[in-house]
Amino acid sequence: MAEARELCGLSQLEAFPLFGFTNSSRLSKLESAGYGCLAHIQPKVLVPAVLHYGVSADFLLGFSNYPQRDIKQSRENQVKDLLSDLIADEIADIRRLVDAVNKLAELTQRFADKTKEIQQSLDRFRELNPSFEDMPGGAKLDRLICELRQDAKRSTVELAELRQSLQ
């Protein structure tokens, strides 16, 4: 009740005659938190409040957060709030997804760095041991490390593209 009165720009002293009260104390009691429950808002008070304050009965009774008497406008506001809540949830989910992709990209970059280090170590080993290719398992080790390095590079590029698409 108090909020509806304030939306109209009226003080209690200006509003109490609108309800047929002889003084502002009855209006003050109706507007107080302890007294202003649904049981005390009678139709003889509710109807003038709706008419003079220009708000909906649902707003006065606490069933709606929207003071508009226009049902269509009130429903539109409710839908907007609902959509805002849904969008906020979706944004939070997307942020969690982006965080997960960033973490995965970080791990993949570490993997790529380690495979590069392994490749460099193998290249140095090959320099120091010219007969490396002829050693049992040497050629296979070389091929596997090369494939691992290519996979790491490819994964890094794919994750970078995924991160870019999420930005």
C-alpha atoms as a PDB file:
ATOM      1  CA  MET A   1       0.000   0.000   0.000  1.00  0.00           C
ATOM      2  CA  ALA A   2       2.718   2.467   0.953  1.00  0.00           C
ATOM      3  CA  GLU A   3       4.681   1.765  -2.216  1.00  0.00           C
ATOM      4  CA  ALA A   4       1.587   2.263  -4.374  1.00  0.00           C
ATOM      5  CA  ARG A   5       0.842   5.563  -2.610  1.00  0.00           C
ATOM      6  CA  GLU A   6       4.428   6.707  -3.072  1.00  0.00           C
ATOM      7  CA  LEU A   7       4.299   5.792  -6.780  1.00  0.00           C
ATOM      8  CA  CYS A   8       1.458   8.330  -7.061  1.00  0.00           C
ATOM      9  CA  GLY A   9       3.493  10.940  -5.237  1.00  0.00           C
ATOM     10  CA  LEU A  10       1.012  11.223  -2.368  1.00  0.00           C
ATOM     11  CA  SER A  11       1.764  11.545   1.321  1.00  0.00           C
ATOM     12  CA  GLN A  12      -0.343   9.784   3.950  1.00  0.00           C
ATOM     13  CA  LEU A  13      -1.899  13.150   4.813  1.00  0.00           C
ATOM     14  CA  GLU A  14      -2.957  13.619   1.192  1.00  0.00           C
ATOM     15  CA  ALA A  15      -4.138  10.029   0.719  1.00  0.00           C
ATOM     16  CA  PHE A  16      -6.203   9.198   3.828  1.00  0.00           C
ATOM     17  CA  PRO A  17      -9.296  11.196   2.711  1.00  0.00           C
ATOM     18  CA  LEU A  18      -9.409   9.129  -0.513  1.00  0.00           C
ATOM     19  CA  PHE A  19     -10.396   6.127   1.617  1.00  0.00           C
ATOM     20  CA  GLY A  20     -12.990   7.984   3.685  1.00  0.00           C
ATOM     21  CA  PHE A  21     -10.794   7.889   6.806  1.00  0.00           C
ATOM     22  CA  THR A  22     -11.077  10.736   9.301  1.00  0.00           C
ATOM     23  CA  ASN A  23      -7.331  10.785  10.001  1.00  0.00           C
ATOM     24  CA  SER A  24      -4.106   9.300   8.659  1.00  0.00           C
ATOM     25  CA  SER A  25      -3.591   6.772  11.461  1.00  0.00           C
ATOM     26  CA  ARG A  26      -5.799   4.090   9.833  1.00  0.00           C
ATOM     27  CA  LEU A  27      -3.895   4.430   6.581  1.00  0.00           C
ATOM     28  CA  SER A  28      -0.638   4.298   8.499  1.00  0.00           C
ATOM     29  CA  LYS A  29      -1.736   1.034  10.161  1.00  0.00           C
ATOM     30  CA  LEU A  30      -2.745  -0.458   6.809  1.00  0.00           C
ATOM     31  CA  GLU A  31       0.643   0.407   5.360  1.00  0.00           C
ATOM     32  CA  SER A  32       2.664  -0.914   8.282  1.00  0.00           C
ATOM     33  CA  ALA A  33       4.394  -4.257   7.769  1.00  0.00           C
ATOM     34  CA  GLY A  34       2.802  -5.978  10.760  1.00  0.00           C
ATOM     35  CA  TYR A  35      -0.721  -4.783  10.151  1.00  0.00           C
ATOM     36  CA  GLY A  36      -0.828  -4.584   6.372  1.00  0.00           C
ATOM     37  CA  CYS A  37      -1.412  -8.262   5.706  1.00  0.00           C
ATOM     38  CA  LEU A  38      -4.114  -9.566   3.388  1.00  0.00           C
ATOM     39  CA  ALA A  39      -6.620 -10.109   6.194  1.00  0.00           C
ATOM     40  CA  HIS A  40      -6.712  -6.382   6.955  1.00  0.00           C
ATOM     41  CA  ILE A  41      -7.044  -5.118   3.393  1.00  0.00           C
ATOM     42  CA  GLN A  42     -10.770  -5.137   2.879  1.00  0.00           C
ATOM     43  CA  PRO A  43     -12.553  -4.502  -0.433  1.00  0.00           C
ATOM     44  CA  LYS A  44     -13.708  -1.082   0.788  1.00  0.00           C
ATOM     45  CA  VAL A  45     -10.006  -0.143   1.046  1.00  0.00           C
ATOM     46  CA  LEU A  46      -8.718  -2.184  -1.887  1.00  0.00           C
ATOM     47  CA  VAL A  47     -11.028  -0.711  -4.531  1.00  0.00           C
ATOM     48  CA  PRO A  48     -10.248   2.955  -3.740  1.00  0.00           C
ATOM     49  CA  ALA A  49      -6.524   2.122  -3.600  1.00  0.00           C
ATOM     50  CA  VAL A  50      -6.684   0.525  -7.051  1.00  0.00           C
ATOM     51  CA  LEU A  51      -8.630   3.473  -8.456  1.00  0.00           C
ATOM     52  CA  HIS A  52      -6.766   6.349  -6.798  1.00  0.00           C
ATOM     53  CA  TYR A  53      -3.272   4.910  -6.902  1.00  0.00           C
ATOM     54  CA  GLY A  54      -3.693   3.490 -10.419  1.00  0.00           C
ATOM     55  CA  VAL A  55      -2.199   0.132  -9.525  1.00  0.00           C
ATOM     56  CA  SER A  56      -3.415  -3.441  -9.803  1.00  0.00           C
ATOM     57  CA  ALA A  57      -5.057  -5.263  -6.901  1.00  0.00           C
ATOM     58  CA  ASP A  58      -2.450  -8.011  -7.373  1.00  0.00           C
ATOM     59  CA  PHE A  59       0.277  -5.462  -6.690  1.00  0.00           C
ATOM     60  CA  LEU A  60      -1.465  -4.173  -3.557  1.00  0.00           C
ATOM     61  CA  LEU A  61      -2.018  -7.708  -2.269  1.00  0.00           C
ATOM     62  CA  GLY A  62       1.566  -8.723  -2.972  1.00  0.00           C
ATOM     63  CA  PHE A  63       0.790 -11.200  -5.751  1.00  0.00           C
ATOM     64  CA  SER A  64       2.687  -9.187  -8.362  1.00  0.00           C
ATOM     65  CA  ASN A  65       5.816  -7.067  -8.402  1.00  0.00           C
ATOM     66  CA  TYR A  66       4.341  -4.897 -11.138  1.00  0.00           C
ATOM     67  CA  PRO A  67       2.027  -2.020 -10.296  1.00  0.00           C
ATOM     68  CA  GLN A  68       0.439  -1.750 -13.757  1.00  0.00           C
ATOM     69  CA  ARG A  69      -3.262  -2.409 -13.952  1.00  0.00           C
ATOM     70  CA  ASP A  70      -2.808  -3.347 -17.592  1.00  0.00           C
ATOM     71  CA  ILE A  71      -2.677  -7.150 -17.457  1.00  0.00           C
ATOM     72  CA  LYS A  72      -0.885  -7.380 -20.793  1.00  0.00           C
ATOM     73  CA  GLN A  73       1.890  -5.017 -19.630  1.00  0.00           C
ATOM     74  CA  SER A  74       2.191  -6.807 -16.300  1.00  0.00           C
ATOM     75  CA  ARG A  75       2.474 -10.197 -18.032  1.00  0.00           C
ATOM     76  CA  GLU A  76       5.062  -8.805 -20.447  1.00  0.00           C
ATOM     77  CA  ASN A  77       7.132  -7.637 -17.481  1.00  0.00           C
ATOM     78  CA  GLN A  78       6.846 -11.060 -15.863  1.00  0.00           C
ATOM     79  CA  VAL A  79       7.978 -12.741 -19.086  1.00  0.00           C
ATOM     80  CA  LYS A  80      10.890 -10.288 -19.396  1.00  0.00           C
ATOM     81  CA  ASP A  81      11.987 -11.147 -15.856  1.00  0.00           C
ATOM     82  CA  LEU A  82      11.698 -14.860 -16.545  1.00  0.00           C
ATOM     83  CA  LEU A  83      13.719 -14.541 -19.758  1.00  0.00           C
ATOM     84  CA  SER A  84      16.332 -12.447 -17.955  1.00  0.00           C
ATOM     85  CA  ASP A  85      16.705 -15.184 -15.363  1.00  0.00           C
ATOM     86  CA  LEU A  86      16.991 -17.848 -18.065  1.00  0.00           C
ATOM     87  CA  ILE A  87      19.534 -15.808 -19.999  1.00  0.00           C
ATOM     88  CA  ALA A  88      21.560 -15.264 -16.825  1.00  0.00           C
ATOM     89  CA  ASP A  89      21.625 -19.040 -16.283  1.00  0.00           C
ATOM     90  CA  GLU A  90      22.672 -19.617 -19.896  1.00  0.00           C
ATOM     91  CA  ILE A  91      25.429 -17.014 -19.615  1.00  0.00           C
ATOM     92  CA  ALA A  92      26.717 -18.695 -16.457  1.00  0.00           C
ATOM     93  CA  ASP A  93      26.752 -22.061 -18.279  1.00  0.00           C
ATOM     94  CA  ILE A  94      28.627 -20.527 -21.216  1.00  0.00           C
ATOM     95  CA  ARG A  95      31.172 -18.962 -18.864  1.00  0.00           C
ATOM     96  CA  ARG A  96      31.759 -22.355 -17.251  1.00  0.00           C
ATOM     97  CA  LEU A  97      32.194 -23.883 -20.710  1.00  0.00           C
ATOM     98  CA  VAL A  98      34.653 -21.171 -21.732  1.00  0.00           C
ATOM     99  CA  ASP A  99      36.610 -21.704 -18.513  1.00  0.00           C
ATOM    100  CA  ALA A 100      36.751 -25.449 -19.193  1.00  0.00           C
ATOM    101  CA  VAL A 101      37.906 -24.906 -22.786  1.00  0.00           C
ATOM    102  CA  ASN A 102      40.552 -22.428 -21.591  1.00  0.00           C
ATOM    103  CA  LYS A 103      41.829 -24.966 -19.064  1.00  0.00           C
ATOM    104  CA  LEU A 104      41.876 -27.671 -21.744  1.00  0.00           C
ATOM    105  CA  ALA A 105      43.731 -25.331 -24.103  1.00  0.00           C
ATOM    106  CA  GLU A 106      46.278 -24.634 -21.385  1.00  0.00           C
ATOM    107  CA  LEU A 107      46.827 -28.358 -20.821  1.00  0.00           C
ATOM    108  CA  THR A 108      47.055 -28.996 -24.545  1.00  0.00           C
ATOM    109  CA  GLN A 109      49.644 -26.238 -24.905  1.00  0.00           C
ATOM    110  CA  ARG A 110      51.718 -27.863 -22.153  1.00  0.00           C
ATOM    111  CA  PHE A 111      51.381 -31.179 -24.008  1.00  0.00           C
ATOM    112  CA  ALA A 112      52.537 -29.505 -27.236  1.00  0.00           C
ATOM    113  CA  ASP A 113      55.493 -27.895 -25.457  1.00  0.00           C
ATOM    114  CA  LYS A 114      56.553 -31.252 -23.959  1.00  0.00           C
ATOM    115  CA  THR A 115      56.309 -33.058 -27.284  1.00  0.00           C
ATOM    116  CA  LYS A 116      58.442 -30.322 -28.857  1.00  0.00           C
ATOM    117  CA  GLU A 117      61.002 -30.813 -26.083  1.00  0.00           C
ATOM    118  CA  ILE A 118      60.941 -34.589 -26.666  1.00  0.00           C
ATOM    119  CA  GLN A 119      61.405 -34.046 -30.419  1.00  0.00           C
ATOM    120  CA  GLN A 120      64.374 -31.757 -29.776  1.00  0.00           C
ATOM    121  CA  SER A 121      65.912 -34.304 -27.404  1.00  0.00           C
ATOM    122  CA  LEU A 122      65.474 -37.043 -29.999  1.00  0.00           C
ATOM    123  CA  ASP A 123      67.029 -34.839 -32.700  1.00  0.00           C
ATOM    124  CA  ARG A 124      70.027 -34.186 -30.409  1.00  0.00           C
ATOM    125  CA  PHE A 125      70.293 -37.911 -29.612  1.00  0.00           C
ATOM    126  CA  ARG A 126      70.289 -38.636 -33.360  1.00  0.00           C
ATOM    127  CA  GLU A 127      73.118 -36.096 -33.874  1.00  0.00           C
ATOM    128  CA  LEU A 128      75.199 -37.726 -31.173  1.00  0.00           C
ATOM    129  CA  ASN A 129      74.409 -41.234 -32.407  1.00  0.00           C
ATOM    130  CA  PRO A 130      74.528 -41.336 -36.228  1.00  0.00           C
ATOM    131  CA  SER A 131      73.607 -45.013 -36.263  1.00  0.00           C
ATOM    132  CA  PHE A 132      70.355 -44.274 -34.361  1.00  0.00           C
ATOM    133  CA  GLU A 133      68.168 -45.130 -37.364  1.00  0.00           C
ATOM    134  CA  ASP A 134      69.814 -48.554 -37.547  1.00  0.00           C
ATOM    135  CA  MET A 135      69.281 -49.344 -33.856  1.00  0.00           C
ATOM    136  CA  PRO A 136      66.460 -51.790 -33.069  1.00  0.00           C
ATOM    137  CA  GLY A 137      63.299 -49.712 -32.464  1.00  0.00           C
ATOM    138  CA  GLY A 138      65.028 -46.434 -33.394  1.00  0.00           C
ATOM    139  CA  ALA A 139      63.012 -45.779 -36.546  1.00  0.00           C
ATOM    140  CA  LYS A 140      59.743 -46.665 -34.800  1.00  0.00           C
ATOM    141  CA  LEU A 141      60.559 -44.346 -31.873  1.00  0.00           C
ATOM    142  CA  ASP A 142      61.327 -41.556 -34.318  1.00  0.00           C
ATOM    143  CA  ARG A 143      58.045 -42.108 -36.200  1.00  0.00           C
ATOM    144  CA  LEU A 144      55.938 -42.232 -32.998  1.00  0.00           C
ATOM    145  CA  ILE A 145      57.450 -39.052 -31.601  1.00  0.00           C
ATOM    146  CA  CYS A 146      56.896 -37.315 -34.926  1.00  0.00           C
ATOM    147  CA  GLU A 147      53.224 -38.418 -34.960  1.00  0.00           C
ATOM    148  CA  LEU A 148      52.784 -37.346 -31.350  1.00  0.00           C
ATOM    149  CA  ARG A 149      54.216 -33.931 -32.166  1.00  0.00           C
ATOM    150  CA  GLN A 150      51.852 -33.535 -35.139  1.00  0.00           C
ATOM    151  CA  ASP A 151      48.861 -34.531 -32.968  1.00  0.00           C
ATOM    152  CA  ALA A 152      49.869 -31.991 -30.339  1.00  0.00           C
ATOM    153  CA  LYS A 153      50.150 -29.220 -32.947  1.00  0.00           C
ATOM    154  CA  ARG A 154      46.777 -30.138 -34.468  1.00  0.00           C
ATOM    155  CA  SER A 155      45.089 -30.224 -31.039  1.00  0.00           C
ATOM    156  CA  THR A 156      46.536 -26.827 -30.150  1.00  0.00           C
ATOM    157  CA  VAL A 157      45.212 -25.297 -33.371  1.00  0.00           C
ATOM    158  CA  GLU A 158      41.757 -26.881 -32.976  1.00  0.00           C
ATOM    159  CA  LEU A 159      41.445 -25.659 -29.383  1.00  0.00           C
ATOM    160  CA  ALA A 160      42.566 -22.171 -30.397  1.00  0.00           C
ATOM    161  CA  GLU A 161      39.804 -22.145 -33.030  1.00  0.00           C
ATOM    162  CA  LEU A 162      37.255 -23.368 -30.458  1.00  0.00           C
ATOM    163  CA  ARG A 163      38.322 -20.683 -27.985  1.00  0.00           C
ATOM    164  CA  GLN A 164      37.980 -18.061 -30.694  1.00  0.00           C
ATOM    165  CA  SER A 165      34.462 -19.227 -31.568  1.00  0.00           C
ATOM    166  CA  LEU A 166      33.413 -18.970 -27.900  1.00  0.00           C
ATOM    167  CA  GLN A 167      34.686 -15.411 -27.498  1.00  0.00           C
END
